[in-house]
């Protein structure tokens, strides 16, 4: 189990949060962050999610999910 921290510093399970991610967007972020740790990928995905959907990624911002 890989743990990452949300914007408030709370630990969450990265694999569980990943199930809620847009698969194509996640692949794009992951390929641009090759070699980076899961926290960096998680944060980059959250930014990309806002760019595409114009709303925050709930697992990153502490919203309901």
N, C-alpha and C. Protein backbone atom coordinates (compact mmCIF):
# COMPACT_ATOMS: atom_id res chain seq x y z
N UNK A 1 0.84 -1.17 0.00
CA UNK A 1 0.00 0.00 0.00
C UNK A 1 0.90 1.24 0.00
N UNK A 2 0.66 2.10 -0.97
CA UNK A 2 1.42 3.34 -1.09
C UNK A 2 0.60 4.49 -0.53
N UNK A 3 1.16 5.18 0.42
CA UNK A 3 0.47 6.31 1.03
C UNK A 3 1.04 7.62 0.50
N UNK A 4 0.14 8.58 0.24
CA UNK A 4 0.51 9.92 -0.17
C UNK A 4 -0.25 10.90 0.73
N UNK A 5 0.13 12.15 0.67
CA UNK A 5 -0.55 13.16 1.50
C UNK A 5 -1.39 14.08 0.62
N UNK A 6 -2.59 14.37 1.12
CA UNK A 6 -3.45 15.31 0.40
C UNK A 6 -3.00 16.74 0.69
N UNK A 7 -3.74 17.71 0.19
CA UNK A 7 -3.35 19.11 0.34
C UNK A 7 -3.31 19.56 1.79
N UNK A 8 -4.03 18.87 2.66
CA UNK A 8 -4.05 19.21 4.09
C UNK A 8 -3.06 18.41 4.91
N UNK A 9 -2.32 17.52 4.24
CA UNK A 9 -1.32 16.73 4.93
C UNK A 9 -1.81 15.39 5.46
N UNK A 10 -3.07 15.07 5.21
CA UNK A 10 -3.60 13.77 5.65
C UNK A 10 -3.12 12.67 4.72
N UNK A 11 -2.77 11.53 5.29
CA UNK A 11 -2.34 10.39 4.48
C UNK A 11 -3.54 9.70 3.86
N UNK A 12 -3.41 9.38 2.57
CA UNK A 12 -4.43 8.60 1.89
C UNK A 12 -3.75 7.52 1.06
N UNK A 13 -4.49 6.48 0.75
CA UNK A 13 -3.98 5.36 -0.03
C UNK A 13 -3.96 5.77 -1.50
N UNK A 14 -2.79 5.81 -2.09
CA UNK A 14 -2.64 6.24 -3.48
C UNK A 14 -3.38 5.32 -4.44
N UNK A 15 -3.32 4.01 -4.21
CA UNK A 15 -3.97 3.07 -5.12
C UNK A 15 -5.49 3.26 -5.12
N UNK A 16 -6.07 3.55 -3.96
CA UNK A 16 -7.51 3.79 -3.89
C UNK A 16 -7.87 5.08 -4.62
N UNK A 17 -7.10 6.14 -4.40
CA UNK A 17 -7.34 7.40 -5.09
C UNK A 17 -7.17 7.24 -6.60
N UNK A 18 -6.23 6.42 -6.99
CA UNK A 18 -5.96 6.22 -8.42
C UNK A 18 -7.16 5.62 -9.14
N UNK A 19 -7.96 4.83 -8.44
CA UNK A 19 -9.16 4.24 -9.06
C UNK A 19 -10.16 5.31 -9.49
N UNK A 20 -10.08 6.49 -8.89
CA UNK A 20 -10.99 7.58 -9.23
C UNK A 20 -10.44 8.50 -10.31
N UNK A 21 -9.21 8.28 -10.69
CA UNK A 21 -8.56 9.15 -11.67
C UNK A 21 -9.00 8.80 -13.09
N UNK A 22 -9.03 9.81 -13.93
CA UNK A 22 -9.24 9.64 -15.37
C UNK A 22 -8.03 8.87 -15.89
N UNK A 23 -8.26 7.68 -16.43
CA UNK A 23 -7.15 6.79 -16.82
C UNK A 23 -6.22 7.43 -17.84
N UNK A 24 -6.79 8.07 -18.86
CA UNK A 24 -5.96 8.68 -19.90
C UNK A 24 -5.15 9.85 -19.34
N UNK A 25 -5.78 10.65 -18.50
CA UNK A 25 -5.08 11.78 -17.89
C UNK A 25 -3.98 11.29 -16.96
N UNK A 26 -4.26 10.24 -16.21
CA UNK A 26 -3.25 9.67 -15.31
C UNK A 26 -2.05 9.16 -16.11
N UNK A 27 -2.30 8.46 -17.22
CA UNK A 27 -1.22 7.95 -18.06
C UNK A 27 -0.34 9.10 -18.57
N UNK A 28 -0.99 10.17 -18.98
CA UNK A 28 -0.25 11.33 -19.49
C UNK A 28 0.63 11.93 -18.40
N UNK A 29 0.06 12.10 -17.21
CA UNK A 29 0.83 12.65 -16.09
C UNK A 29 1.96 11.71 -15.71
N UNK A 30 1.63 10.44 -15.60
CA UNK A 30 2.63 9.45 -15.18
C UNK A 30 3.80 9.40 -16.17
N UNK A 31 3.51 9.47 -17.46
CA UNK A 31 4.59 9.41 -18.45
C UNK A 31 5.46 10.67 -18.40
N UNK A 32 4.87 11.79 -18.03
CA UNK A 32 5.67 13.02 -17.93
C UNK A 32 6.45 13.10 -16.62
N UNK A 33 6.10 12.25 -15.68
CA UNK A 33 6.76 12.25 -14.36
C UNK A 33 7.52 10.94 -14.12
N UNK A 34 7.99 10.31 -15.17
CA UNK A 34 8.73 9.05 -15.05
C UNK A 34 9.87 9.21 -14.06
N UNK A 35 9.96 8.26 -13.14
CA UNK A 35 11.02 8.29 -12.15
C UNK A 35 10.69 9.09 -10.90
N UNK A 36 9.54 9.75 -10.91
CA UNK A 36 9.14 10.54 -9.74
C UNK A 36 8.43 9.67 -8.72
N UNK A 37 8.44 10.12 -7.50
CA UNK A 37 7.76 9.38 -6.44
C UNK A 37 6.24 9.55 -6.55
N UNK A 38 5.46 8.66 -5.94
CA UNK A 38 4.00 8.72 -6.02
C UNK A 38 3.42 10.07 -5.56
N UNK A 39 4.02 10.70 -4.58
CA UNK A 39 3.51 11.99 -4.10
C UNK A 39 3.57 13.04 -5.21
N UNK A 40 4.67 13.07 -5.93
CA UNK A 40 4.82 14.03 -7.03
C UNK A 40 3.81 13.76 -8.13
N UNK A 41 3.60 12.49 -8.46
CA UNK A 41 2.62 12.12 -9.48
C UNK A 41 1.22 12.51 -9.02
N UNK A 42 0.89 12.24 -7.76
CA UNK A 42 -0.42 12.57 -7.20
C UNK A 42 -0.69 14.07 -7.29
N UNK A 43 0.28 14.87 -6.91
CA UNK A 43 0.12 16.32 -6.96
C UNK A 43 -0.01 16.81 -8.40
N UNK A 44 0.78 16.25 -9.30
CA UNK A 44 0.70 16.64 -10.71
C UNK A 44 -0.64 16.24 -11.30
N UNK A 45 -1.14 15.06 -10.93
CA UNK A 45 -2.46 14.64 -11.41
C UNK A 45 -3.53 15.61 -10.92
N UNK A 46 -3.47 15.99 -9.66
CA UNK A 46 -4.47 16.91 -9.10
C UNK A 46 -4.50 18.22 -9.89
N UNK A 47 -3.33 18.73 -10.27
CA UNK A 47 -3.27 19.96 -11.07
C UNK A 47 -3.84 19.73 -12.46
N UNK A 48 -3.49 18.61 -13.08
CA UNK A 48 -3.99 18.30 -14.41
C UNK A 48 -5.51 18.11 -14.40
N UNK A 49 -6.02 17.52 -13.33
CA UNK A 49 -7.46 17.29 -13.19
C UNK A 49 -8.21 18.63 -13.18
N UNK A 50 -7.68 19.60 -12.45
CA UNK A 50 -8.29 20.93 -12.42
C UNK A 50 -8.27 21.54 -13.81
N UNK A 51 -7.16 21.38 -14.51
CA UNK A 51 -7.05 21.92 -15.85
C UNK A 51 -8.05 21.34 -16.82
N UNK A 52 -8.32 20.05 -16.70
CA UNK A 52 -9.24 19.38 -17.62
C UNK A 52 -10.70 19.54 -17.21
N UNK A 53 -10.99 19.37 -15.93
CA UNK A 53 -12.38 19.34 -15.46
C UNK A 53 -12.84 20.63 -14.78
N UNK A 54 -11.94 21.56 -14.56
CA UNK A 54 -12.27 22.84 -13.91
C UNK A 54 -12.88 22.64 -12.52
N UNK A 55 -12.43 21.59 -11.86
CA UNK A 55 -12.81 21.35 -10.46
C UNK A 55 -11.70 20.55 -9.81
N UNK A 56 -11.62 20.64 -8.51
CA UNK A 56 -10.54 19.96 -7.79
C UNK A 56 -10.75 18.46 -7.79
N UNK A 57 -9.66 17.74 -7.60
CA UNK A 57 -9.69 16.29 -7.46
C UNK A 57 -9.92 16.01 -5.99
N UNK A 58 -11.10 15.52 -5.65
CA UNK A 58 -11.53 15.37 -4.26
C UNK A 58 -10.53 14.66 -3.35
N UNK A 59 -9.91 13.56 -3.77
CA UNK A 59 -8.95 12.92 -2.87
C UNK A 59 -7.76 13.82 -2.51
N UNK A 60 -7.42 14.76 -3.37
CA UNK A 60 -6.30 15.66 -3.07
C UNK A 60 -6.72 16.81 -2.16
N UNK A 61 -7.93 17.31 -2.36
CA UNK A 61 -8.36 18.49 -1.60
C UNK A 61 -9.11 18.15 -0.32
N UNK A 62 -9.31 16.87 -0.06
CA UNK A 62 -10.01 16.48 1.15
C UNK A 62 -11.52 16.47 1.00
N UNK A 63 -11.99 16.52 -0.25
CA UNK A 63 -13.43 16.47 -0.50
C UNK A 63 -13.99 15.07 -0.33
N UNK A 64 -15.29 14.94 -0.53
CA UNK A 64 -15.94 13.63 -0.41
C UNK A 64 -15.60 12.78 -1.62
N UNK A 65 -15.28 11.52 -1.34
CA UNK A 65 -15.00 10.56 -2.42
C UNK A 65 -15.22 9.18 -1.99
